Amino acid sequence: MNRLIAEIQKMNGRIVVDAPVQRVQSEPDGGVRVQSEKLSQSFDQVIATIPSRPLAQIAPQLDSQYVKKLQEVKYLGVVCIVLVLKRQLSPY
């Protein structure tokens, strides 16, 4: 994880923790504003990796037909990270 963090920071990225997203909204210039209690920041594009129903709640500008599809999705929640490493991470 330290290497991942270092690479993100090397590319001028920033990792924000303990800042649940409260709203995702399109901006007039075509960007996307992401708001939490701690900050509000604009991006060119956003990839959401949260479950469908909470996405529909925090992104009120989504098309109603798309929201309907999001709310119909049935799935099991799974969190999985995939790392491609040059060396072994653990003995297991």
C-alpha atoms as a PDB file:
ATOM      1  CA  MET A   1       0.000   0.000   0.000  1.00  0.00           C
ATOM      2  CA  ASN A   2       2.856   2.374   0.730  1.00  0.00           C
ATOM      3  CA  ARG A   3       4.051   2.062  -2.863  1.00  0.00           C
ATOM      4  CA  LEU A   4       0.548   2.728  -4.194  1.00  0.00           C
ATOM      5  CA  ILE A   5       0.245   5.811  -2.009  1.00  0.00           C
ATOM      6  CA  ALA A   6       3.686   7.020  -3.111  1.00  0.00           C
ATOM      7  CA  GLU A   7       2.791   6.596  -6.799  1.00  0.00           C
ATOM      8  CA  ILE A   8      -0.480   8.484  -6.377  1.00  0.00           C
ATOM      9  CA  GLN A   9       1.327  11.324  -4.620  1.00  0.00           C
ATOM     10  CA  LYS A  10       4.111  11.317  -7.224  1.00  0.00           C
ATOM     11  CA  MET A  11       1.472  12.055  -9.869  1.00  0.00           C
ATOM     12  CA  ASN A  12       0.156  14.965  -7.749  1.00  0.00           C
ATOM     13  CA  GLY A  13      -2.748  12.856  -6.523  1.00  0.00           C
ATOM     14  CA  ARG A  14      -4.187  13.176  -3.069  1.00  0.00           C
ATOM     15  CA  ILE A  15      -5.834  10.555  -0.896  1.00  0.00           C
ATOM     16  CA  VAL A  16      -8.670  11.816   1.283  1.00  0.00           C
ATOM     17  CA  VAL A  17      -9.905   9.596   4.115  1.00  0.00           C
ATOM     18  CA  ASP A  18     -12.817   9.907   6.534  1.00  0.00           C
ATOM     19  CA  ALA A  19     -14.705  12.145   4.102  1.00  0.00           C
ATOM     20  CA  PRO A  20     -17.830  10.318   2.901  1.00  0.00           C
ATOM     21  CA  VAL A  21     -19.147  11.805  -0.331  1.00  0.00           C
ATOM     22  CA  GLN A  22     -22.448  13.583   0.193  1.00  0.00           C
ATOM     23  CA  ARG A  23     -23.128  14.819  -3.334  1.00  0.00           C
ATOM     24  CA  VAL A  24     -21.870  14.379  -6.893  1.00  0.00           C
ATOM     25  CA  GLN A  25     -23.072  17.022  -9.305  1.00  0.00           C
ATOM     26  CA  SER A  26     -22.406  18.075 -12.906  1.00  0.00           C
ATOM     27  CA  GLU A  27     -20.935  21.533 -13.407  1.00  0.00           C
ATOM     28  CA  PRO A  28     -21.808  23.943 -16.233  1.00  0.00           C
ATOM     29  CA  ASP A  29     -18.296  23.633 -17.733  1.00  0.00           C
ATOM     30  CA  GLY A  30     -18.717  19.861 -18.126  1.00  0.00           C
ATOM     31  CA  GLY A  31     -16.800  18.899 -14.986  1.00  0.00           C
ATOM     32  CA  VAL A  32     -18.057  17.091 -11.925  1.00  0.00           C
ATOM     33  CA  ARG A  33     -18.132  18.470  -8.369  1.00  0.00           C
ATOM     34  CA  VAL A  34     -17.724  16.021  -5.495  1.00  0.00           C
ATOM     35  CA  GLN A  35     -18.745  17.284  -2.058  1.00  0.00           C
ATOM     36  CA  SER A  36     -18.170  15.947   1.442  1.00  0.00           C
ATOM     37  CA  GLU A  37     -18.267  17.587   4.859  1.00  0.00           C
ATOM     38  CA  LYS A  38     -14.518  18.188   4.646  1.00  0.00           C
ATOM     39  CA  LEU A  39     -14.141  19.479   1.091  1.00  0.00           C
ATOM     40  CA  SER A  40     -15.657  20.252  -2.268  1.00  0.00           C
ATOM     41  CA  GLN A  41     -13.579  19.575  -5.350  1.00  0.00           C
ATOM     42  CA  SER A  42     -14.037  19.552  -9.132  1.00  0.00           C
ATOM     43  CA  PHE A  43     -12.841  16.865 -11.523  1.00  0.00           C
ATOM     44  CA  ASP A  44     -12.968  16.218 -15.266  1.00  0.00           C
ATOM     45  CA  GLN A  45     -14.560  12.816 -14.666  1.00  0.00           C
ATOM     46  CA  VAL A  46     -15.544  10.641 -11.715  1.00  0.00           C
ATOM     47  CA  ILE A  47     -15.702   6.872 -11.370  1.00  0.00           C
ATOM     48  CA  ALA A  48     -18.107   5.703  -8.682  1.00  0.00           C
ATOM     49  CA  THR A  49     -17.277   2.434  -6.935  1.00  0.00           C
ATOM     50  CA  ILE A  50     -20.130   2.475  -4.460  1.00  0.00           C
ATOM     51  CA  PRO A  51     -23.311   0.369  -4.582  1.00  0.00           C
ATOM     52  CA  SER A  52     -25.971   1.490  -7.057  1.00  0.00           C
ATOM     53  CA  ARG A  53     -28.639   2.681  -4.628  1.00  0.00           C
ATOM     54  CA  PRO A  54     -26.381   5.054  -2.643  1.00  0.00           C
ATOM     55  CA  LEU A  55     -25.037   6.392  -5.963  1.00  0.00           C
ATOM     56  CA  ALA A  56     -28.570   7.330  -6.998  1.00  0.00           C
ATOM     57  CA  GLN A  57     -29.009   9.140  -3.668  1.00  0.00           C
ATOM     58  CA  ILE A  58     -25.838  11.260  -3.871  1.00  0.00           C
ATOM     59  CA  ALA A  59     -26.105  12.057  -7.605  1.00  0.00           C
ATOM     60  CA  PRO A  60     -29.499  13.756  -8.038  1.00  0.00           C
ATOM     61  CA  GLN A  61     -28.832  14.845 -11.629  1.00  0.00           C
ATOM     62  CA  LEU A  62     -28.728  11.298 -12.975  1.00  0.00           C
ATOM     63  CA  ASP A  63     -31.337  10.530 -15.629  1.00  0.00           C
ATOM     64  CA  SER A  64     -34.476   9.026 -14.090  1.00  0.00           C
ATOM     65  CA  GLN A  65     -34.361   5.975 -16.383  1.00  0.00           C
ATOM     66  CA  TYR A  66     -30.760   5.320 -15.333  1.00  0.00           C
ATOM     67  CA  VAL A  67     -31.694   5.682 -11.647  1.00  0.00           C
ATOM     68  CA  LYS A  68     -34.493   3.166 -12.167  1.00  0.00           C
ATOM     69  CA  LYS A  69     -31.968   0.676 -13.595  1.00  0.00           C
ATOM     70  CA  LEU A  70     -29.598   1.314 -10.690  1.00  0.00           C
ATOM     71  CA  GLN A  71     -32.331   0.602  -8.170  1.00  0.00           C
ATOM     72  CA  GLU A  72     -33.247  -2.688  -9.863  1.00  0.00           C
ATOM     73  CA  VAL A  73     -29.743  -4.165  -9.626  1.00  0.00           C
ATOM     74  CA  LYS A  74     -29.509  -7.151  -7.276  1.00  0.00           C
ATOM     75  CA  TYR A  75     -26.073  -8.197  -6.114  1.00  0.00           C
ATOM     76  CA  LEU A  76     -23.971  -9.332  -3.193  1.00  0.00           C
ATOM     77  CA  GLY A  77     -21.618  -6.737  -1.750  1.00  0.00           C
ATOM     78  CA  VAL A  78     -17.964  -7.649  -2.128  1.00  0.00           C
ATOM     79  CA  VAL A  79     -14.838  -5.614  -1.562  1.00  0.00           C
ATOM     80  CA  CYS A  80     -11.832  -6.867  -3.458  1.00  0.00           C
ATOM     81  CA  ILE A  81      -8.473  -5.307  -4.284  1.00  0.00           C
ATOM     82  CA  VAL A  82      -6.175  -6.709  -6.939  1.00  0.00           C
ATOM     83  CA  LEU A  83      -2.469  -5.978  -6.776  1.00  0.00           C
ATOM     84  CA  VAL A  84       0.072  -6.818  -9.443  1.00  0.00           C
ATOM     85  CA  LEU A  85       3.429  -6.991  -7.704  1.00  0.00           C
ATOM     86  CA  LYS A  86       6.997  -7.652  -8.740  1.00  0.00           C
ATOM     87  CA  ARG A  87       7.675  -9.421  -5.456  1.00  0.00           C
ATOM     88  CA  GLN A  88       5.730 -11.506  -2.953  1.00  0.00           C
ATOM     89  CA  LEU A  89       3.527  -9.517  -0.553  1.00  0.00           C
ATOM     90  CA  SER A  90       3.255 -12.207   2.136  1.00  0.00           C
ATOM     91  CA  PRO A  91       4.241 -15.831   2.661  1.00  0.00           C
ATOM     92  CA  TYR A  92       0.639 -16.995   2.000  1.00  0.00           C
END
